[in-house]
Amino acid sequence: MHNRTEISKIISWVIASRPKTLPAAVVPVLVGSAAAASDNKFILLYALIALACSLLIQIGTNFTNDLYDYLKGADNGKRKGPLRVMVNGLITVAEMKAGIAIVFLTAFILGLYLVYTGGFFVLVIGIASILAGIAYTAGPYPLAYNGLGDLFVFMFFGVVGTVGTYFVQAHTFSYLPFLCSVPVGALITNILVVNNYRDIEEDRSANKFTLAVKLGRGFTRYQFIFLLFISFVMPLILFFGFNFKVWVFLPYLTFPIAFKLIKMLYSYTGKELNKTLELTARLSAIFGLLFSVGILL
């Protein structure tokens, strides 16, 4: 446990926002904007507002996770992962509830401009994303506690984030952002997969029935590899099926990282897996950046 006087309130809020997870909010906007640009429909202002909303929803979701994992006992002194502010007494329950409300409300207000320019469907996307962020660990049927966290992450950080970013700029749908959303969602989901793999024992004792808890370590490792596989297949599909240029293979530069991650997942245990978690997040960010460049060139 950490002494409350050692960490200022501002630093506590920064820790609660989980900065290392924020690339998960950036990559869908990056790839969705690249898809819009490739169709000559990129609008910088709309992309920046979408990015701000995505970051705020990610931070709000992180705040909600911190609060409800603490209230439900999933976060305790035995946790192997990074510092959590609630269990260490750095932020009170009342403060965190206020923070959650402020962050999500700010995202909603910012998003109203995109609703004004893009119509009712943008409002549906925004409200669904905020409600899903809350429902991830809160509410009567928290997704993360019932094996639905992986699907939530893939859908909202992959499909909804990428396709939504494209839509607010192009004001139409296309096959391209949907296909591009697959590796985005898969690699961001793998961050959660490693997190849940590391925390199987603690989650089981806290009645947090993640997919890893329900189906075991063997399945979770195969799930991780499968999500890597479909990520690396997508550039092939875009190249051979949709006449993209050879630049779409730029993400293949991350092959060494992917192989290293598989090796780490099979050999690391406990707190060692924090290194795997960090590298998995880095892979999603680097892959997403290279993928965006490959789509544009």
Protein backbone atom coordinates (compact mmCIF):
# COMPACT_ATOMS: atom_id res chain seq x y z
CA MET A 1 0.00 0.00 0.00
CA HIS A 2 1.18 3.55 -0.73
CA ASN A 3 1.22 6.43 1.74
CA ARG A 4 -1.43 8.96 0.70
CA THR A 5 0.90 11.88 1.50
CA GLU A 6 3.49 10.62 -0.98
CA ILE A 7 1.27 11.16 -4.03
CA SER A 8 -0.49 14.46 -4.79
CA LYS A 9 -4.14 14.58 -5.79
CA ILE A 10 -3.26 15.68 -9.34
CA ILE A 11 -0.85 12.76 -9.77
CA SER A 12 -3.52 10.46 -8.33
CA TRP A 13 -5.97 11.50 -11.05
CA VAL A 14 -3.28 11.00 -13.70
CA ILE A 15 -2.64 7.49 -12.33
CA ALA A 16 -6.41 6.81 -12.33
CA SER A 17 -6.62 7.78 -16.00
CA ARG A 18 -4.14 4.92 -16.76
CA PRO A 19 -2.02 6.78 -19.34
CA LYS A 20 -0.55 3.56 -20.76
CA THR A 21 -4.04 2.47 -21.85
CA LEU A 22 -4.80 5.69 -23.74
CA PRO A 23 -3.29 4.57 -27.07
CA ALA A 24 -6.32 2.25 -27.17
CA ALA A 25 -8.42 5.41 -27.58
CA VAL A 26 -6.08 6.99 -30.14
CA VAL A 27 -5.57 4.07 -32.56
CA PRO A 28 -9.23 3.67 -33.68
CA VAL A 29 -9.41 7.41 -34.44
CA LEU A 30 -6.08 7.28 -36.27
CA VAL A 31 -7.09 4.32 -38.44
CA GLY A 32 -10.64 5.59 -39.01
CA SER A 33 -9.26 8.98 -40.08
CA ALA A 34 -6.76 7.29 -42.42
CA ALA A 35 -9.65 5.39 -44.01
CA ALA A 36 -11.56 8.67 -44.41
CA ALA A 37 -8.51 10.34 -45.95
CA SER A 38 -8.05 7.47 -48.40
CA ASP A 39 -11.61 8.18 -49.59
CA ASN A 40 -10.86 11.96 -49.72
CA LYS A 41 -13.30 12.62 -46.87
CA PHE A 42 -10.91 13.56 -44.05
CA ILE A 43 -11.93 16.59 -41.96
CA LEU A 44 -9.31 17.59 -39.37
CA LEU A 45 -11.66 19.36 -36.95
CA TYR A 46 -14.05 16.40 -36.83
CA ALA A 47 -11.14 13.99 -36.35
CA LEU A 48 -9.75 16.05 -33.44
CA ILE A 49 -13.15 16.22 -31.72
CA ALA A 50 -13.58 12.47 -32.22
CA LEU A 51 -10.12 11.96 -30.67
CA ALA A 52 -10.97 14.12 -27.65
CA CYS A 53 -14.26 12.24 -27.12
CA SER A 54 -12.53 8.88 -27.49
CA LEU A 55 -9.87 9.80 -24.93
CA LEU A 56 -12.47 11.12 -22.47
CA ILE A 57 -14.61 7.99 -22.80
CA GLN A 58 -11.51 5.83 -22.24
CA ILE A 59 -10.57 7.83 -19.15
CA GLY A 60 -14.15 7.72 -17.85
CA THR A 61 -14.20 3.95 -18.36
CA ASN A 62 -10.89 3.64 -16.49
CA PHE A 63 -12.26 5.73 -13.60
CA THR A 64 -15.39 3.54 -13.50
CA ASN A 65 -13.28 0.36 -13.54
CA ASP A 66 -11.13 1.63 -10.69
CA LEU A 67 -14.18 2.50 -8.60
CA TYR A 68 -16.23 -0.65 -9.12
CA ASP A 69 -13.32 -3.10 -9.05
CA TYR A 70 -12.55 -1.57 -5.65
CA LEU A 71 -16.16 -1.70 -4.44
CA LYS A 72 -16.57 -5.30 -5.61
CA GLY A 73 -13.28 -6.42 -4.06
CA ALA A 74 -11.55 -7.31 -7.33
CA ASP A 75 -8.84 -4.73 -6.54
CA ASN A 76 -7.13 -5.46 -3.24
CA GLY A 77 -3.71 -5.56 -1.65
CA LYS A 78 -2.88 -8.79 -3.49
CA ARG A 79 -3.20 -7.35 -7.01
CA LYS A 80 -0.26 -7.95 -9.38
CA GLY A 81 -1.01 -5.08 -11.72
CA PRO A 82 -0.09 -1.37 -11.56
CA LEU A 83 -1.13 0.94 -8.70
CA ARG A 84 -4.87 1.57 -8.35
CA VAL A 85 -5.94 4.78 -6.63
CA MET A 86 -9.09 3.58 -4.89
CA VAL A 87 -7.63 0.59 -3.07
CA ASN A 88 -4.68 2.75 -2.00
CA GLY A 89 -6.93 5.49 -0.62
CA LEU A 90 -5.62 8.20 -2.97
CA ILE A 91 -9.10 9.18 -4.19
CA THR A 92 -12.35 8.80 -2.27
CA VAL A 93 -15.48 7.11 -3.59
CA ALA A 94 -17.31 10.47 -3.73
CA GLU A 95 -14.44 12.10 -5.61
CA MET A 96 -14.27 9.27 -8.12
CA LYS A 97 -18.02 9.36 -8.76
CA ALA A 98 -17.75 13.12 -9.40
CA GLY A 99 -14.77 12.55 -11.71
CA ILE A 100 -16.67 9.92 -13.70
CA ALA A 101 -19.65 12.26 -14.13
CA ILE A 102 -17.48 15.21 -15.21
CA VAL A 103 -15.44 13.23 -17.74
CA PHE A 104 -18.40 11.51 -19.39
CA LEU A 105 -20.44 14.75 -19.42
CA THR A 106 -17.54 16.60 -21.08
CA ALA A 107 -17.31 13.86 -23.74
CA PHE A 108 -21.06 14.15 -24.35
CA ILE A 109 -20.98 17.96 -24.68
CA LEU A 110 -18.01 17.86 -27.05
CA GLY A 111 -19.70 15.17 -29.10
CA LEU A 112 -22.79 17.32 -29.62
CA TYR A 113 -20.92 19.22 -32.33
CA LEU A 114 -20.40 15.96 -34.21
CA VAL A 115 -24.09 15.20 -33.71
CA TYR A 116 -24.91 18.63 -35.19
CA THR A 117 -22.76 17.95 -38.26
CA GLY A 118 -23.33 14.19 -38.58
CA GLY A 119 -26.88 13.58 -37.44
CA PHE A 120 -28.77 11.28 -35.10
CA PHE A 121 -26.59 8.22 -35.72
CA VAL A 122 -23.60 10.00 -34.20
CA LEU A 123 -25.67 10.61 -31.06
CA VAL A 124 -26.46 6.88 -30.89
CA ILE A 125 -22.75 6.02 -31.21
CA GLY A 126 -21.78 8.48 -28.49
CA ILE A 127 -24.44 7.48 -25.97
CA ALA A 128 -23.82 3.76 -26.59
CA SER A 129 -20.07 4.24 -26.04
CA ILE A 130 -20.60 6.10 -22.75
CA LEU A 131 -23.16 3.60 -21.47
CA ALA A 132 -20.90 0.68 -22.44
CA GLY A 133 -17.98 2.31 -20.63
CA ILE A 134 -20.09 2.47 -17.46
CA ALA A 135 -21.59 -1.00 -17.92
CA TYR A 136 -18.14 -2.54 -18.29
CA THR A 137 -17.78 -2.85 -14.51
CA ALA A 138 -20.91 -1.14 -13.12
CA GLY A 139 -24.63 -1.86 -13.21
CA PRO A 140 -26.66 -5.00 -12.54
CA TYR A 141 -24.79 -7.09 -15.15
CA PRO A 142 -21.22 -5.75 -15.43
CA LEU A 143 -19.70 -6.96 -18.71
CA ALA A 144 -16.21 -7.53 -17.31
CA TYR A 145 -17.58 -9.75 -14.54
CA ASN A 146 -19.57 -11.96 -16.89
CA GLY A 147 -17.07 -12.90 -19.60
CA LEU A 148 -18.17 -10.16 -22.01
CA GLY A 149 -15.26 -7.76 -21.56
CA ASP A 150 -13.36 -9.08 -24.58
CA LEU A 151 -16.37 -8.65 -26.86
CA PHE A 152 -16.99 -5.16 -25.47
CA VAL A 153 -13.41 -4.05 -26.14
CA PHE A 154 -13.37 -5.50 -29.67
CA MET A 155 -16.69 -3.88 -30.55
CA PHE A 156 -16.19 -0.43 -29.03
CA PHE A 157 -12.43 0.09 -29.39
CA GLY A 158 -12.38 -1.68 -32.73
CA VAL A 159 -15.56 -1.52 -34.78
CA VAL A 160 -17.41 1.42 -33.16
CA GLY A 161 -14.29 3.55 -32.66
CA THR A 162 -12.92 3.08 -36.17
CA VAL A 163 -16.19 3.05 -38.13
CA GLY A 164 -17.56 5.88 -35.99
CA THR A 165 -14.51 8.06 -36.68
CA TYR A 166 -14.92 7.43 -40.41
CA PHE A 167 -18.65 8.18 -40.26
CA VAL A 168 -18.36 11.54 -38.48
CA GLN A 169 -16.09 12.71 -41.31
CA ALA A 170 -17.59 10.97 -44.36
CA HIS A 171 -21.24 10.91 -43.15
CA THR A 172 -21.62 7.55 -44.83
CA PHE A 173 -20.64 3.91 -44.32
CA SER A 174 -18.05 1.92 -46.25
CA TYR A 175 -16.51 -1.54 -46.19
CA LEU A 176 -13.07 0.01 -45.66
CA PRO A 177 -13.34 1.28 -42.05
CA PHE A 178 -15.08 -1.93 -41.02
CA LEU A 179 -12.26 -4.10 -42.39
CA CYS A 180 -9.67 -1.77 -40.91
CA SER A 181 -11.38 -2.00 -37.52
CA VAL A 182 -10.61 -5.73 -37.21
CA PRO A 183 -6.87 -5.49 -36.38
CA VAL A 184 -7.53 -2.38 -34.29
CA GLY A 185 -10.07 -4.20 -32.12
CA ALA A 186 -8.13 -7.46 -32.04
CA LEU A 187 -4.86 -5.94 -30.82
CA ILE A 188 -6.55 -3.71 -28.24
CA THR A 189 -8.54 -6.71 -27.01
CA ASN A 190 -5.24 -8.53 -26.53
CA ILE A 191 -4.30 -5.92 -23.91
CA LEU A 192 -7.32 -7.06 -21.90
CA VAL A 193 -6.53 -10.73 -22.63
CA VAL A 194 -3.07 -10.39 -21.04
CA ASN A 195 -4.50 -8.44 -18.11
CA ASN A 196 -7.12 -11.13 -17.44
CA TYR A 197 -4.59 -13.93 -17.97
CA ARG A 198 -2.37 -12.40 -15.29
CA ASP A 199 -5.26 -11.92 -12.86
CA ILE A 200 -7.07 -15.28 -13.18
CA GLU A 201 -6.64 -16.31 -9.51
CA GLU A 202 -7.51 -12.89 -8.06
CA ASP A 203 -10.50 -12.45 -10.38
CA ARG A 204 -11.84 -15.92 -9.57
CA SER A 205 -11.66 -15.24 -5.83
CA ALA A 206 -13.50 -11.92 -6.36
CA ASN A 207 -16.23 -13.61 -8.46
CA LYS A 208 -15.06 -11.69 -11.53
CA PHE A 209 -15.74 -14.30 -14.19
CA THR A 210 -13.69 -13.04 -17.11
CA LEU A 211 -13.32 -15.20 -20.21
CA ALA A 212 -9.88 -16.21 -18.89
CA VAL A 213 -11.43 -17.35 -15.59
CA LYS A 214 -14.21 -19.23 -17.37
CA LEU A 215 -12.12 -20.99 -20.02
CA GLY A 216 -8.64 -21.20 -18.48
CA ARG A 217 -5.04 -20.38 -19.34
CA GLY A 218 -4.77 -22.65 -22.36
CA PHE A 219 -7.75 -21.07 -24.09
CA THR A 220 -6.54 -17.56 -23.21
CA ARG A 221 -3.14 -18.15 -24.82
CA TYR A 222 -4.82 -19.47 -27.99
CA GLN A 223 -7.20 -16.50 -27.94
CA PHE A 224 -4.22 -14.15 -27.83
CA ILE A 225 -2.55 -15.91 -30.79
CA PHE A 226 -5.80 -15.96 -32.80
CA LEU A 227 -6.29 -12.22 -32.33
CA LEU A 228 -2.71 -11.64 -33.50
CA PHE A 229 -3.37 -13.88 -36.52
CA ILE A 230 -6.48 -12.07 -37.72
CA SER A 231 -4.67 -8.74 -37.29
CA PHE A 232 -1.88 -9.78 -39.62
CA VAL A 233 -4.28 -11.37 -42.13
CA MET A 234 -6.18 -8.11 -42.75
CA PRO A 235 -3.42 -6.35 -44.78
CA LEU A 236 -3.41 -9.41 -47.07
CA ILE A 237 -7.16 -9.08 -47.58
CA LEU A 238 -6.89 -5.37 -48.32
CA PHE A 239 -3.99 -5.93 -50.75
CA PHE A 240 -5.40 -8.84 -52.73
CA GLY A 241 -9.12 -8.12 -52.38
CA PHE A 242 -9.31 -4.33 -52.54
CA ASN A 243 -6.30 -3.21 -54.58
CA PHE A 244 -4.36 -1.52 -51.82
CA LYS A 245 -0.71 -0.78 -52.49
CA VAL A 246 2.19 -2.73 -51.00
CA TRP A 247 2.46 -0.10 -48.24
CA VAL A 248 -0.48 -1.76 -46.49
CA PHE A 249 2.04 -4.42 -45.37
CA LEU A 250 3.92 -1.88 -43.21
CA PRO A 251 2.39 -3.39 -40.03
CA TYR A 252 4.36 -6.57 -40.78
CA LEU A 253 7.38 -4.72 -39.37
CA THR A 254 5.87 -5.59 -35.98
CA PHE A 255 6.20 -9.36 -36.54
CA PRO A 256 9.20 -9.60 -34.13
CA ILE A 257 7.15 -7.96 -31.36
CA ALA A 258 4.27 -10.37 -31.94
CA PHE A 259 6.54 -13.41 -31.73
CA LYS A 260 8.21 -12.05 -28.60
CA LEU A 261 4.78 -11.57 -26.98
CA ILE A 262 3.75 -15.16 -27.66
CA LYS A 263 6.99 -16.37 -26.10
CA MET A 264 6.45 -14.12 -23.06
CA LEU A 265 2.87 -15.32 -22.60
CA TYR A 266 4.04 -18.94 -22.49
CA SER A 267 6.97 -18.31 -20.14
CA TYR A 268 5.98 -15.44 -17.81
CA THR A 269 3.80 -15.61 -14.69
CA GLY A 270 2.53 -13.21 -12.04
CA LYS A 271 3.96 -9.68 -12.04
CA GLU A 272 6.30 -10.61 -14.91
CA LEU A 273 3.23 -10.40 -17.13
CA ASN A 274 3.12 -6.63 -16.55
CA LYS A 275 5.98 -6.47 -19.08
CA THR A 276 3.87 -8.50 -21.52
CA LEU A 277 0.93 -6.16 -20.91
CA GLU A 278 3.03 -3.08 -21.62
CA LEU A 279 4.51 -4.56 -24.80
CA THR A 280 1.05 -5.66 -26.00
CA ALA A 281 -0.18 -2.08 -25.64
CA ARG A 282 2.90 -0.87 -27.52
CA LEU A 283 2.24 -3.37 -30.31
CA SER A 284 -1.34 -2.10 -30.78
CA ALA A 285 -0.06 1.48 -31.01
CA ILE A 286 2.81 0.76 -33.43
CA PHE A 287 0.70 -1.54 -35.60
CA GLY A 288 -2.08 1.07 -35.69
CA LEU A 289 0.32 3.84 -36.70
CA LEU A 290 1.94 1.74 -39.44
CA PHE A 291 -1.46 0.52 -40.62
CA SER A 292 -2.71 4.10 -40.90
CA VAL A 293 0.34 5.11 -42.93
CA GLY A 294 -0.07 2.03 -45.14
CA ILE A 295 -3.73 2.90 -45.83
CA LEU A 296 -2.79 6.46 -46.80
CA LEU A 297 0.16 5.69 -49.11
